[in-house]
Amino acid sequence: EEGKKWMEEKSMQQKLIVANNNKDLAMIEAQGKTGVMIREATASLQRAKAEAESTKVKKVMEMQAEAQAKRITAQQEMKMIVAEAKGEQAKGEKEAAAIKVQAQAEAASA
């Protein structure tokens, strides 16, 4: 009878050891899976950050190019305005000179 009881105790101890080992193994597997998930999430986050940064850089470059184009257009318009003003000034100077010559001619003939 004692031998049977001892065998049952040993059997229960072995079952407990196996259960503990299975629990430990399950914890190790869960930690491994969790680690993989964390690494995958981190990699995904890094890809998203890199993509966002790339998009940001691209947008900044587009804005800079647009600003440069506007500056060039403004400079060209300024040159045209200056040239037009110089043309008007020269035209006014010619008209003034012609009027002066005409006035001198009229004054000399009078």
Foldseek 3Di string as FASTA:
>chain_A
DVVVVVVVVVVVVVVVVVVVVVVVVVVVVVVVVVVVVVVVVVVVVVVVVVVVVVVVVVVVVVVVVVVVVVVVVVVVVVVVVVVVVVVVVVVVVVVVVVVVVVVVVVVVVD
